[in-house]
Amino acid sequence: MSKTHIYFMPGLGVGPEIFKKLTLSPEFEMHYLEWKKPLFQEETLVNYAMRMVADVTHENPVLIGVSFGGILVQEMSTFIDTKKLIIISSVKSKNEFPKRFKLANASNIYKLFPTTIITNFDDYSKFFIGKYLRKKAENYKRYLTVRDKTYIEWSIHNVLNWKQEIPTKNILHIHGTKDNVFPIKYIHNCEEIIDGDHAMIILKAKQISEIINNYLN
């Protein structure tokens, strides 16, 4: 029996390590996509998605994306035929953005975001006081591997300016009830993970794996 090929796209600024705790059925062959540097600051998300498709070398794959990676795989799916499309801790259209995203976009205040916090996270993490915050900082440093300033600024702009209004058909959306980036109250038609936050791909990997296995089988 031929295997089903699954391509994973991580979230903004992170690498494929976030998927390592998933336990999927042996009939699935997993492939991990990584962020590329934008060709230039004004590169469109559509053009970027077209370039990412070149890294998908199997026909009719499953695409799985987390957060901004979920937005990207939806754009990628317009260029290739996919068996299934799954997004985690993401949105299906701009209508699922929280109000603060819309405000940030309308006012252009997002351009003031201090991207150096991400690009130089090692320097800033020493200000995380207390055992709990220090542990979170260590986790962020472990997974926050893509820190190029051009890429970070490009990503923030393209998240906030995503134009999709009608959700992609036949998409599975897995979302946490405690996601503080994309609050559940704005999300429609999803498989809920109770107490899952925006990092649940790591913290709730067992539950997410069960949903993906059941859906694909």
N, C-alpha and C. Protein backbone atom coordinates (compact mmCIF):
# COMPACT_ATOMS: atom_id res chain seq x y z
N MET A 1 0.84 -1.19 0.00
CA MET A 1 0.00 0.00 0.00
C MET A 1 0.88 1.25 0.00
N SER A 2 0.59 2.19 -0.89
CA SER A 2 1.37 3.41 -0.94
C SER A 2 1.03 4.30 0.24
N LYS A 3 2.02 5.04 0.71
CA LYS A 3 1.83 5.87 1.88
C LYS A 3 1.21 7.22 1.51
N THR A 4 0.51 7.80 2.46
CA THR A 4 0.01 9.16 2.31
C THR A 4 1.10 10.12 2.77
N HIS A 5 1.42 11.08 1.94
CA HIS A 5 2.48 12.03 2.27
C HIS A 5 1.88 13.28 2.93
N ILE A 6 2.42 13.60 4.09
CA ILE A 6 1.96 14.77 4.85
C ILE A 6 3.08 15.79 4.91
N TYR A 7 2.77 17.03 4.53
CA TYR A 7 3.73 18.13 4.60
C TYR A 7 3.30 19.08 5.72
N PHE A 8 4.24 19.36 6.62
CA PHE A 8 3.97 20.20 7.78
C PHE A 8 4.62 21.57 7.63
N MET A 9 3.85 22.63 7.90
CA MET A 9 4.36 24.00 7.86
C MET A 9 4.24 24.62 9.26
N PRO A 10 5.37 24.96 9.89
CA PRO A 10 5.31 25.53 11.24
C PRO A 10 4.82 26.97 11.26
N GLY A 11 4.69 27.52 12.46
CA GLY A 11 4.20 28.88 12.62
C GLY A 11 5.29 29.92 12.47
N LEU A 12 4.89 31.16 12.60
CA LEU A 12 5.79 32.31 12.41
C LEU A 12 7.03 32.20 13.29
N GLY A 13 8.18 32.18 12.64
CA GLY A 13 9.45 32.24 13.36
C GLY A 13 9.94 30.92 13.92
N VAL A 14 9.16 29.85 13.78
CA VAL A 14 9.58 28.59 14.39
C VAL A 14 9.91 27.55 13.32
N GLY A 15 10.66 26.53 13.75
CA GLY A 15 11.07 25.48 12.83
C GLY A 15 10.22 24.24 12.98
N PRO A 16 10.49 23.21 12.19
CA PRO A 16 9.68 21.99 12.18
C PRO A 16 9.78 21.16 13.45
N GLU A 17 10.66 21.56 14.38
CA GLU A 17 10.79 20.81 15.63
C GLU A 17 9.49 20.75 16.42
N ILE A 18 8.59 21.71 16.17
CA ILE A 18 7.33 21.75 16.92
C ILE A 18 6.44 20.55 16.61
N PHE A 19 6.72 19.83 15.53
CA PHE A 19 5.89 18.69 15.16
C PHE A 19 6.42 17.35 15.67
N LYS A 20 7.55 17.36 16.33
CA LYS A 20 8.22 16.11 16.69
C LYS A 20 7.46 15.28 17.71
N LYS A 21 6.56 15.90 18.46
CA LYS A 21 5.82 15.15 19.48
C LYS A 21 4.54 14.52 18.93
N LEU A 22 4.21 14.79 17.68
CA LEU A 22 3.04 14.16 17.08
C LEU A 22 3.32 12.68 16.85
N THR A 23 2.32 11.84 17.07
CA THR A 23 2.45 10.40 16.84
C THR A 23 1.37 9.98 15.85
N LEU A 24 1.73 9.93 14.59
CA LEU A 24 0.77 9.60 13.55
C LEU A 24 0.94 8.16 13.08
N SER A 25 -0.08 7.66 12.44
CA SER A 25 -0.10 6.28 11.98
C SER A 25 1.06 5.98 11.02
N PRO A 26 1.57 4.75 11.02
CA PRO A 26 2.74 4.41 10.18
C PRO A 26 2.49 4.48 8.67
N GLU A 27 1.20 4.52 8.26
CA GLU A 27 0.94 4.63 6.82
C GLU A 27 1.14 6.05 6.30
N PHE A 28 1.46 6.98 7.19
CA PHE A 28 1.73 8.35 6.78
C PHE A 28 3.24 8.60 6.74
N GLU A 29 3.68 9.22 5.67
CA GLU A 29 5.09 9.64 5.58
C GLU A 29 5.14 11.14 5.76
N MET A 30 5.93 11.59 6.73
CA MET A 30 5.93 12.99 7.11
C MET A 30 7.12 13.76 6.50
N HIS A 31 6.81 14.95 6.04
CA HIS A 31 7.82 15.84 5.44
C HIS A 31 7.67 17.21 6.11
N TYR A 32 8.79 17.87 6.35
CA TYR A 32 8.76 19.12 7.10
C TYR A 32 9.25 20.28 6.25
N LEU A 33 8.38 21.27 6.08
CA LEU A 33 8.73 22.46 5.33
C LEU A 33 9.35 23.50 6.26
N GLU A 34 10.21 24.34 5.71
CA GLU A 34 10.85 25.39 6.50
C GLU A 34 10.66 26.74 5.81
N TRP A 35 10.63 27.77 6.63
CA TRP A 35 10.44 29.12 6.11
C TRP A 35 11.61 29.54 5.24
N LYS A 36 11.30 30.20 4.15
CA LYS A 36 12.31 30.81 3.28
C LYS A 36 12.36 32.30 3.57
N LYS A 37 13.46 32.91 3.24
CA LYS A 37 13.54 34.36 3.35
C LYS A 37 12.77 34.97 2.18
N PRO A 38 11.93 35.97 2.44
CA PRO A 38 11.23 36.63 1.32
C PRO A 38 12.22 37.17 0.30
N LEU A 39 11.83 37.14 -0.97
CA LEU A 39 12.71 37.65 -2.01
C LEU A 39 12.96 39.14 -1.83
N PHE A 40 11.93 39.84 -1.36
CA PHE A 40 12.02 41.27 -1.06
C PHE A 40 10.87 41.59 -0.11
N GLN A 41 10.94 42.75 0.53
CA GLN A 41 9.97 43.10 1.57
C GLN A 41 8.53 43.13 1.06
N GLU A 42 8.35 43.45 -0.23
CA GLU A 42 6.99 43.57 -0.78
C GLU A 42 6.52 42.29 -1.47
N GLU A 43 7.26 41.19 -1.32
CA GLU A 43 6.81 39.94 -1.94
C GLU A 43 5.43 39.58 -1.42
N THR A 44 4.52 39.24 -2.31
CA THR A 44 3.17 38.91 -1.90
C THR A 44 3.13 37.51 -1.30
N LEU A 45 2.13 37.29 -0.46
CA LEU A 45 1.96 35.97 0.13
C LEU A 45 1.66 34.94 -0.95
N VAL A 46 0.95 35.34 -1.99
CA VAL A 46 0.64 34.44 -3.11
C VAL A 46 1.92 33.99 -3.79
N ASN A 47 2.82 34.91 -4.06
CA ASN A 47 4.08 34.56 -4.71
C ASN A 47 4.93 33.68 -3.81
N TYR A 48 4.92 33.99 -2.52
CA TYR A 48 5.68 33.19 -1.56
C TYR A 48 5.14 31.76 -1.52
N ALA A 49 3.81 31.62 -1.51
CA ALA A 49 3.18 30.30 -1.49
C ALA A 49 3.55 29.50 -2.74
N MET A 50 3.61 30.18 -3.86
CA MET A 50 3.97 29.53 -5.12
C MET A 50 5.41 28.98 -5.03
N ARG A 51 6.29 29.71 -4.38
CA ARG A 51 7.66 29.24 -4.22
C ARG A 51 7.73 28.06 -3.25
N MET A 52 6.89 28.09 -2.21
CA MET A 52 6.89 27.00 -1.24
C MET A 52 6.39 25.70 -1.85
N VAL A 53 5.48 25.80 -2.79
CA VAL A 53 4.93 24.60 -3.44
C VAL A 53 6.03 23.79 -4.12
N ALA A 54 7.09 24.46 -4.53
CA ALA A 54 8.20 23.75 -5.19
C ALA A 54 8.84 22.71 -4.27
N ASP A 55 8.68 22.86 -2.96
CA ASP A 55 9.25 21.92 -1.99
C ASP A 55 8.33 20.74 -1.72
N VAL A 56 7.14 20.76 -2.31
CA VAL A 56 6.20 19.65 -2.18
C VAL A 56 6.38 18.75 -3.39
N THR A 57 7.00 17.61 -3.19
CA THR A 57 7.42 16.79 -4.32
C THR A 57 6.56 15.55 -4.55
N HIS A 58 5.45 15.42 -3.81
CA HIS A 58 4.55 14.29 -3.99
C HIS A 58 3.17 14.78 -4.41
N GLU A 59 2.51 13.99 -5.23
CA GLU A 59 1.19 14.37 -5.70
C GLU A 59 0.12 14.14 -4.63
N ASN A 60 -0.87 15.02 -4.65
CA ASN A 60 -2.04 14.88 -3.79
C ASN A 60 -1.68 14.68 -2.31
N PRO A 61 -0.85 15.56 -1.76
CA PRO A 61 -0.43 15.41 -0.36
C PRO A 61 -1.47 15.96 0.61
N VAL A 62 -1.24 15.69 1.88
CA VAL A 62 -1.95 16.37 2.96
C VAL A 62 -1.07 17.54 3.39
N LEU A 63 -1.66 18.71 3.52
CA LEU A 63 -0.92 19.88 4.01
C LEU A 63 -1.43 20.22 5.41
N ILE A 64 -0.50 20.38 6.35
CA ILE A 64 -0.86 20.76 7.72
C ILE A 64 -0.04 21.98 8.11
N GLY A 65 -0.72 23.03 8.56
CA GLY A 65 -0.03 24.26 8.95
C GLY A 65 -0.48 24.76 10.30
N VAL A 66 0.46 25.34 11.04
CA VAL A 66 0.19 25.90 12.37
C VAL A 66 0.27 27.42 12.31
N SER A 67 -0.72 28.10 12.88
CA SER A 67 -0.74 29.56 12.99
C SER A 67 -0.54 30.21 11.61
N PHE A 68 0.49 31.04 11.43
CA PHE A 68 0.74 31.64 10.12
C PHE A 68 1.00 30.57 9.08
N GLY A 69 1.58 29.44 9.51
CA GLY A 69 1.77 28.32 8.59
C GLY A 69 0.45 27.77 8.10
N GLY A 70 -0.61 27.89 8.93
CA GLY A 70 -1.94 27.48 8.51
C GLY A 70 -2.49 28.37 7.41
N ILE A 71 -2.20 29.65 7.52
CA ILE A 71 -2.60 30.58 6.46
C ILE A 71 -1.83 30.26 5.17
N LEU A 72 -0.54 29.99 5.32
CA LEU A 72 0.29 29.72 4.14
C LEU A 72 -0.16 28.46 3.41
N VAL A 73 -0.47 27.37 4.14
CA VAL A 73 -0.86 26.15 3.43
C VAL A 73 -2.19 26.32 2.70
N GLN A 74 -3.03 27.21 3.20
CA GLN A 74 -4.27 27.50 2.47
C GLN A 74 -3.96 28.18 1.14
N GLU A 75 -2.99 29.08 1.16
CA GLU A 75 -2.57 29.73 -0.08
C GLU A 75 -1.89 28.72 -1.02
N MET A 76 -1.10 27.83 -0.46
CA MET A 76 -0.42 26.82 -1.26
C MET A 76 -1.41 25.89 -1.94
N SER A 77 -2.52 25.61 -1.26
CA SER A 77 -3.51 24.67 -1.80
C SER A 77 -4.20 25.19 -3.05
N THR A 78 -4.03 26.48 -3.37
CA THR A 78 -4.62 27.01 -4.60
C THR A 78 -3.76 26.66 -5.81
N PHE A 79 -2.54 26.17 -5.58
CA PHE A 79 -1.63 25.86 -6.68
C PHE A 79 -1.48 24.36 -6.93
N ILE A 80 -1.86 23.54 -5.95
CA ILE A 80 -1.72 22.08 -6.12
C ILE A 80 -2.98 21.38 -5.60
N ASP A 81 -3.19 20.19 -6.11
CA ASP A 81 -4.29 19.37 -5.59
C ASP A 81 -3.84 18.74 -4.27
N THR A 82 -4.69 18.79 -3.27
CA THR A 82 -4.37 18.22 -1.98
C THR A 82 -5.40 17.17 -1.59
N LYS A 83 -4.94 16.16 -0.88
CA LYS A 83 -5.85 15.12 -0.39
C LYS A 83 -6.68 15.67 0.76
N LYS A 84 -6.01 16.36 1.68
CA LYS A 84 -6.67 17.00 2.82
C LYS A 84 -5.88 18.25 3.19
N LEU A 85 -6.58 19.15 3.88
CA LEU A 85 -5.96 20.38 4.35
C LEU A 85 -6.32 20.55 5.82
N ILE A 86 -5.30 20.68 6.67
CA ILE A 86 -5.52 20.79 8.11
C ILE A 86 -4.78 22.00 8.64
N ILE A 87 -5.49 22.82 9.43
CA ILE A 87 -4.83 23.96 10.07
C ILE A 87 -5.00 23.83 11.59
N ILE A 88 -3.99 24.29 12.32
CA ILE A 88 -3.96 24.19 13.77
C ILE A 88 -3.62 25.55 14.34
N SER A 89 -4.41 26.02 15.31
CA SER A 89 -4.14 27.32 15.97
C SER A 89 -4.02 28.42 14.93
N SER A 90 -4.93 28.44 13.98
CA SER A 90 -4.86 29.37 12.86
C SER A 90 -6.25 29.94 12.58
N VAL A 91 -6.43 30.49 11.39
CA VAL A 91 -7.72 31.06 10.98
C VAL A 91 -8.03 30.63 9.55
N LYS A 92 -9.31 30.58 9.23
CA LYS A 92 -9.74 30.18 7.88
C LYS A 92 -10.04 31.37 6.99
N SER A 93 -10.16 32.56 7.56
CA SER A 93 -10.38 33.78 6.79
C SER A 93 -10.08 34.97 7.70
N LYS A 94 -10.01 36.14 7.10
CA LYS A 94 -9.74 37.33 7.89
C LYS A 94 -10.88 37.65 8.85
N ASN A 95 -12.05 37.06 8.60
CA ASN A 95 -13.20 37.29 9.48
C ASN A 95 -13.03 36.62 10.83
N GLU A 96 -12.04 35.73 10.97
CA GLU A 96 -11.78 35.10 12.26
C GLU A 96 -10.67 35.80 13.04
N PHE A 97 -10.16 36.91 12.50
CA PHE A 97 -9.18 37.70 13.24
C PHE A 97 -9.84 38.38 14.44
N PRO A 98 -9.13 38.51 15.56
CA PRO A 98 -9.66 39.30 16.67
C PRO A 98 -9.68 40.78 16.31
N LYS A 99 -10.44 41.54 17.04
CA LYS A 99 -10.59 42.97 16.73
C LYS A 99 -9.26 43.71 16.77
N ARG A 100 -8.37 43.30 17.67
CA ARG A 100 -7.09 44.02 17.77
C ARG A 100 -6.25 43.86 16.51
N PHE A 101 -6.41 42.74 15.79
CA PHE A 101 -5.70 42.56 14.53
C PHE A 101 -6.22 43.56 13.50
N LYS A 102 -7.52 43.69 13.45
CA LYS A 102 -8.13 44.61 12.49
C LYS A 102 -7.73 46.05 12.79
N LEU A 103 -7.67 46.39 14.08
CA LEU A 103 -7.27 47.74 14.48
C LEU A 103 -5.82 47.99 14.11
N ALA A 104 -4.97 47.00 14.38
CA ALA A 104 -3.55 47.15 14.08
C ALA A 104 -3.33 47.34 12.58
N ASN A 105 -4.10 46.63 11.78
CA ASN A 105 -3.97 46.75 10.33
C ASN A 105 -4.46 48.11 9.85
N ALA A 106 -5.62 48.53 10.36
CA ALA A 106 -6.21 49.79 9.91
C ALA A 106 -5.34 50.98 10.29
N SER A 107 -4.69 50.91 11.44
CA SER A 107 -3.91 52.05 11.94
C SER A 107 -2.43 51.97 11.56
N ASN A 108 -2.03 50.82 11.00
CA ASN A 108 -0.62 50.58 10.68
C ASN A 108 0.28 50.58 11.92
N ILE A 109 -0.33 50.43 13.10
CA ILE A 109 0.46 50.46 14.33
C ILE A 109 1.39 49.25 14.42
N TYR A 110 1.04 48.17 13.69
CA TYR A 110 1.88 46.97 13.73
C TYR A 110 3.29 47.24 13.23
N LYS A 111 3.46 48.30 12.43
CA LYS A 111 4.78 48.63 11.92
C LYS A 111 5.72 49.09 13.02
N LEU A 112 5.15 49.41 14.19
CA LEU A 112 5.95 49.84 15.33
C LEU A 112 6.38 48.66 16.20
N PHE A 113 5.95 47.44 15.84
CA PHE A 113 6.28 46.27 16.65
C PHE A 113 7.80 46.11 16.73
N PRO A 114 8.33 45.98 17.94
CA PRO A 114 9.78 45.87 18.10
C PRO A 114 10.29 44.48 17.71
N THR A 115 10.58 44.30 16.43
CA THR A 115 11.00 42.99 15.94
C THR A 115 12.31 42.52 16.56
N THR A 116 13.06 43.44 17.16
CA THR A 116 14.33 43.04 17.79
C THR A 116 14.10 42.11 18.97
N ILE A 117 12.91 42.13 19.55
CA ILE A 117 12.61 41.21 20.65
C ILE A 117 12.71 39.77 20.15
N ILE A 118 12.30 39.55 18.90
CA ILE A 118 12.37 38.21 18.32
C ILE A 118 13.76 37.93 17.76
N THR A 119 14.29 38.89 16.99
CA THR A 119 15.58 38.65 16.35
C THR A 119 16.72 38.53 17.36
N ASN A 120 16.58 39.18 18.53
CA ASN A 120 17.60 39.10 19.57
C ASN A 120 17.00 38.54 20.86
N PHE A 121 16.22 37.47 20.72
CA PHE A 121 15.47 36.95 21.86
C PHE A 121 16.39 36.50 22.99
N ASP A 122 17.57 35.99 22.67
CA ASP A 122 18.49 35.54 23.71
C ASP A 122 18.83 36.67 24.67
N ASP A 123 18.98 37.87 24.14
CA ASP A 123 19.31 39.02 24.98
C ASP A 123 18.14 39.44 25.86
N TYR A 124 16.93 39.40 25.30
CA TYR A 124 15.75 39.84 26.04
C TYR A 124 15.26 38.81 27.04
N SER A 125 15.54 37.52 26.81
CA SER A 125 15.00 36.47 27.66
C SER A 125 15.54 36.55 29.09
N LYS A 126 16.67 37.21 29.30
CA LYS A 126 17.21 37.31 30.66
C LYS A 126 16.33 38.16 31.57
N PHE A 127 15.38 38.90 30.97
CA PHE A 127 14.49 39.73 31.77
C PHE A 127 13.24 38.96 32.22
N PHE A 128 13.11 37.68 31.81
CA PHE A 128 12.00 36.85 32.26
C PHE A 128 12.27 36.41 33.70
N ILE A 129 11.52 36.95 34.63
CA ILE A 129 11.75 36.71 36.04
C ILE A 129 10.82 35.61 36.55
N GLY A 130 11.36 34.74 37.39
CA GLY A 130 10.55 33.68 37.98
C GLY A 130 10.72 32.37 37.24
N LYS A 131 10.51 31.26 37.95
CA LYS A 131 10.72 29.92 37.39
C LYS A 131 9.82 29.66 36.19
N TYR A 132 8.52 30.04 36.30
CA TYR A 132 7.56 29.77 35.23
C TYR A 132 7.94 30.51 33.95
N LEU A 133 8.23 31.83 34.08
CA LEU A 133 8.56 32.63 32.90
C LEU A 133 9.89 32.21 32.29
N ARG A 134 10.84 31.84 33.14
CA ARG A 134 12.12 31.39 32.62
C ARG A 134 11.97 30.09 31.82
N LYS A 135 11.09 29.21 32.31
CA LYS A 135 10.84 27.97 31.59
C LYS A 135 10.21 28.26 30.23
N LYS A 136 9.26 29.21 30.20
CA LYS A 136 8.63 29.58 28.93
C LYS A 136 9.67 30.18 27.99
N ALA A 137 10.57 31.01 28.54
CA ALA A 137 11.60 31.63 27.72
C ALA A 137 12.50 30.58 27.09
N GLU A 138 12.85 29.55 27.87
CA GLU A 138 13.70 28.48 27.35
C GLU A 138 13.00 27.73 26.22
N ASN A 139 11.69 27.50 26.38
CA ASN A 139 10.93 26.84 25.32
C ASN A 139 10.88 27.69 24.06
N TYR A 140 10.67 29.02 24.24
CA TYR A 140 10.64 29.91 23.09
C TYR A 140 11.97 29.88 22.36
N LYS A 141 13.07 29.91 23.10
CA LYS A 141 14.39 29.90 22.47
C LYS A 141 14.62 28.59 21.71
N ARG A 142 14.08 27.52 22.24
CA ARG A 142 14.27 26.21 21.63
C ARG A 142 13.59 26.12 20.27
N TYR A 143 12.39 26.70 20.18
CA TYR A 143 11.61 26.56 18.94
C TYR A 143 11.67 27.79 18.04
N LEU A 144 12.03 28.95 18.59
CA LEU A 144 12.05 30.18 17.80
C LEU A 144 13.38 30.25 17.05
N THR A 145 13.44 29.57 15.92
CA THR A 145 14.71 29.41 15.21
C THR A 145 14.86 30.31 13.98
N VAL A 146 13.77 30.92 13.54
CA VAL A 146 13.83 31.77 12.34
C VAL A 146 13.67 33.22 12.79
N ARG A 147 14.78 33.93 12.87
CA ARG A 147 14.75 35.26 13.49
C ARG A 147 15.21 36.38 12.58
N ASP A 148 15.27 36.11 11.29
CA ASP A 148 15.70 37.13 10.34
C ASP A 148 14.73 38.32 10.37
N LYS A 149 15.26 39.52 10.49
CA LYS A 149 14.43 40.72 10.65
C LYS A 149 13.50 40.94 9.44
N THR A 150 14.03 40.77 8.23
CA THR A 150 13.22 40.95 7.03
C THR A 150 12.06 39.97 7.02
N TYR A 151 12.35 38.73 7.36
CA TYR A 151 11.31 37.70 7.38
C TYR A 151 10.24 38.01 8.44
N ILE A 152 10.66 38.41 9.64
CA ILE A 152 9.71 38.70 10.72
C ILE A 152 8.78 39.85 10.33
N GLU A 153 9.35 40.94 9.82
CA GLU A 153 8.53 42.09 9.41
C GLU A 153 7.59 41.72 8.27
N TRP A 154 8.10 40.95 7.32
CA TRP A 154 7.27 40.49 6.19
C TRP A 154 6.11 39.64 6.69
N SER A 155 6.39 38.73 7.63
CA SER A 155 5.37 37.82 8.15
C SER A 155 4.26 38.56 8.86
N ILE A 156 4.62 39.48 9.75
CA ILE A 156 3.61 40.24 10.49
C ILE A 156 2.71 41.01 9.54
N HIS A 157 3.32 41.63 8.54
CA HIS A 157 2.54 42.39 7.55
C HIS A 157 1.57 41.47 6.81
N ASN A 158 2.02 40.28 6.42
CA ASN A 158 1.17 39.40 5.61
C ASN A 158 0.11 38.68 6.42
N VAL A 159 0.35 38.47 7.70
CA VAL A 159 -0.72 37.94 8.55
C VAL A 159 -1.85 38.95 8.64
N LEU A 160 -1.50 40.17 9.01
CA LEU A 160 -2.51 41.20 9.24
C LEU A 160 -3.22 41.64 7.95
N ASN A 161 -2.57 41.45 6.83
CA ASN A 161 -3.16 41.90 5.56
C ASN A 161 -3.71 40.75 4.72
N TRP A 162 -3.90 39.60 5.34
CA TRP A 162 -4.47 38.46 4.61
C TRP A 162 -5.89 38.81 4.17
N LYS A 163 -6.19 38.60 2.90
CA LYS A 163 -7.46 39.07 2.32
C LYS A 163 -8.55 38.01 2.24
N GLN A 164 -8.25 36.78 2.56
CA GLN A 164 -9.24 35.72 2.34
C GLN A 164 -10.52 35.95 3.16
N GLU A 165 -11.65 35.92 2.48
CA GLU A 165 -12.93 36.13 3.14
C GLU A 165 -13.77 34.86 3.22
N ILE A 166 -13.64 33.98 2.23
CA ILE A 166 -14.41 32.74 2.20
C ILE A 166 -13.49 31.58 2.55
N PRO A 167 -13.80 30.83 3.60
CA PRO A 167 -12.93 29.72 4.00
C PRO A 167 -12.75 28.68 2.90
N THR A 168 -11.59 28.09 2.86
CA THR A 168 -11.31 27.01 1.92
C THR A 168 -12.22 25.82 2.23
N LYS A 169 -12.75 25.17 1.20
CA LYS A 169 -13.64 24.04 1.41
C LYS A 169 -12.87 22.82 1.90
N ASN A 170 -13.58 21.97 2.63
CA ASN A 170 -13.04 20.68 3.09
C ASN A 170 -11.73 20.86 3.86
N ILE A 171 -11.78 21.73 4.84
CA ILE A 171 -10.61 21.99 5.68
C ILE A 171 -10.92 21.58 7.11
N LEU A 172 -9.97 20.93 7.76
CA LEU A 172 -10.10 20.59 9.18
C LEU A 172 -9.36 21.64 9.98
N HIS A 173 -10.06 22.24 10.92
CA HIS A 173 -9.49 23.29 11.75
C HIS A 173 -9.46 22.80 13.19
N ILE A 174 -8.27 22.69 13.78
CA ILE A 174 -8.09 22.27 15.17
C ILE A 174 -7.67 23.49 15.98
N HIS A 175 -8.41 23.79 17.03
CA HIS A 175 -8.16 25.05 17.74
C HIS A 175 -8.33 24.88 19.24
N GLY A 176 -7.49 25.57 19.99
CA GLY A 176 -7.54 25.51 21.45
C GLY A 176 -8.51 26.52 22.04
N THR A 177 -9.16 26.13 23.13
CA THR A 177 -10.14 27.02 23.77
C THR A 177 -9.47 28.16 24.53
N LYS A 178 -8.15 28.07 24.73
CA LYS A 178 -7.44 29.14 25.44
C LYS A 178 -6.37 29.79 24.57
N ASP A 179 -6.61 29.78 23.26
CA ASP A 179 -5.68 30.43 22.33
C ASP A 179 -5.79 31.95 22.51
N ASN A 180 -4.70 32.58 22.90
CA ASN A 180 -4.74 34.03 23.15
C ASN A 180 -4.31 34.86 21.94
N VAL A 181 -3.90 34.20 20.87
CA VAL A 181 -3.56 34.92 19.64
C VAL A 181 -4.79 35.01 18.74
N PHE A 182 -5.42 33.86 18.52
CA PHE A 182 -6.67 33.80 17.77
C PHE A 182 -7.76 33.24 18.70
N PRO A 183 -8.39 34.10 19.50
CA PRO A 183 -9.36 33.63 20.51
C PRO A 183 -10.48 32.79 19.89
N ILE A 184 -10.85 31.75 20.61
CA ILE A 184 -11.84 30.79 20.13
C ILE A 184 -13.19 31.43 19.83
N LYS A 185 -13.50 32.54 20.47
CA LYS A 185 -14.81 33.17 20.25
C LYS A 185 -14.98 33.70 18.83
N TYR A 186 -13.87 33.88 18.13
CA TYR A 186 -13.95 34.36 16.74
C TYR A 186 -13.87 33.22 15.73
N ILE A 187 -13.66 31.99 16.22
CA ILE A 187 -13.42 30.85 15.34
C ILE A 187 -14.71 30.06 15.13
N HIS A 188 -14.94 29.63 13.90
CA HIS A 188 -16.14 28.86 13.57
C HIS A 188 -15.76 27.50 13.00
N ASN A 189 -16.60 26.51 13.26
CA ASN A 189 -16.45 25.18 12.66
C ASN A 189 -15.05 24.60 12.87
N CYS A 190 -14.75 24.26 14.11
CA CYS A 190 -13.43 23.70 14.41
C CYS A 190 -13.56 22.55 15.40
N GLU A 191 -12.51 21.74 15.44
CA GLU A 191 -12.37 20.71 16.48
C GLU A 191 -11.67 21.38 17.66
N GLU A 192 -12.36 21.46 18.79
CA GLU A 192 -11.81 22.18 19.94
C GLU A 192 -10.92 21.28 20.79
N ILE A 193 -9.81 21.86 21.23
CA ILE A 193 -8.94 21.23 22.21
C ILE A 193 -9.12 22.00 23.52
N ILE A 194 -9.73 21.37 24.50
CA ILE A 194 -10.00 22.03 25.77
C ILE A 194 -8.69 22.43 26.44
N ASP A 195 -8.63 23.70 26.86
CA ASP A 195 -7.46 24.29 27.54
C ASP A 195 -6.23 24.39 26.64
N GLY A 196 -6.41 24.16 25.35
CA GLY A 196 -5.28 24.31 24.44
C GLY A 196 -4.98 25.78 24.18
N ASP A 197 -3.70 26.16 24.25
CA ASP A 197 -3.32 27.54 23.95
C ASP A 197 -2.68 27.59 22.57
N HIS A 198 -2.04 28.71 22.24
CA HIS A 198 -1.50 28.86 20.89
C HIS A 198 -0.31 27.92 20.64
N ALA A 199 0.29 27.41 21.72
CA ALA A 199 1.43 26.50 21.58
C ALA A 199 1.01 25.05 21.77
N MET A 200 -0.26 24.75 21.57
CA MET A 200 -0.75 23.41 21.89
C MET A 200 -0.21 22.32 20.97
N ILE A 201 0.35 22.67 19.83
CA ILE A 201 0.96 21.68 18.95
C ILE A 201 2.05 20.91 19.71
N ILE A 202 2.64 21.55 20.72
CA ILE A 202 3.66 20.93 21.56
C ILE A 202 3.04 20.34 22.81
N LEU A 203 2.20 21.13 23.47
CA LEU A 203 1.67 20.76 24.77
C LEU A 203 0.50 19.78 24.71
N LYS A 204 -0.22 19.75 23.59
CA LYS A 204 -1.38 18.87 23.43
C LYS A 204 -1.19 17.95 22.22
N ALA A 205 0.04 17.54 21.99
CA ALA A 205 0.37 16.77 20.79
C ALA A 205 -0.39 15.45 20.72
N LYS A 206 -0.62 14.80 21.85
CA LYS A 206 -1.31 13.51 21.86
C LYS A 206 -2.75 13.65 21.35
N GLN A 207 -3.46 14.67 21.86
CA GLN A 207 -4.85 14.89 21.44
C GLN A 207 -4.93 15.29 19.98
N ILE A 208 -4.01 16.14 19.56
CA ILE A 208 -3.99 16.58 18.16
C ILE A 208 -3.70 15.40 17.24
N SER A 209 -2.77 14.54 17.66
CA SER A 209 -2.44 13.36 16.86
C SER A 209 -3.66 12.46 16.67
N GLU A 210 -4.43 12.29 17.73
CA GLU A 210 -5.63 11.45 17.65
C GLU A 210 -6.64 12.00 16.65
N ILE A 211 -6.82 13.32 16.69
CA ILE A 211 -7.77 13.96 15.76
C ILE A 211 -7.30 13.80 14.32
N ILE A 212 -6.00 14.03 14.07
CA ILE A 212 -5.47 13.91 12.71
C ILE A 212 -5.58 12.46 12.22
N ASN A 213 -5.19 11.50 13.06
CA ASN A 213 -5.27 10.10 12.67
C ASN A 213 -6.70 9.69 12.32
N ASN A 214 -7.64 10.07 13.15
CA ASN A 214 -9.04 9.73 12.89
C ASN A 214 -9.57 10.39 11.62
N TYR A 215 -9.17 11.63 11.41
CA TYR A 215 -9.65 12.38 10.24
C TYR A 215 -9.09 11.78 8.95
N LEU A 216 -7.83 11.44 8.93
CA LEU A 216 -7.20 10.93 7.71
C LEU A 216 -7.53 9.47 7.45
N ASN A 217 -7.97 8.78 8.47
CA ASN A 217 -8.32 7.37 8.28
C ASN A 217 -9.81 7.19 8.03
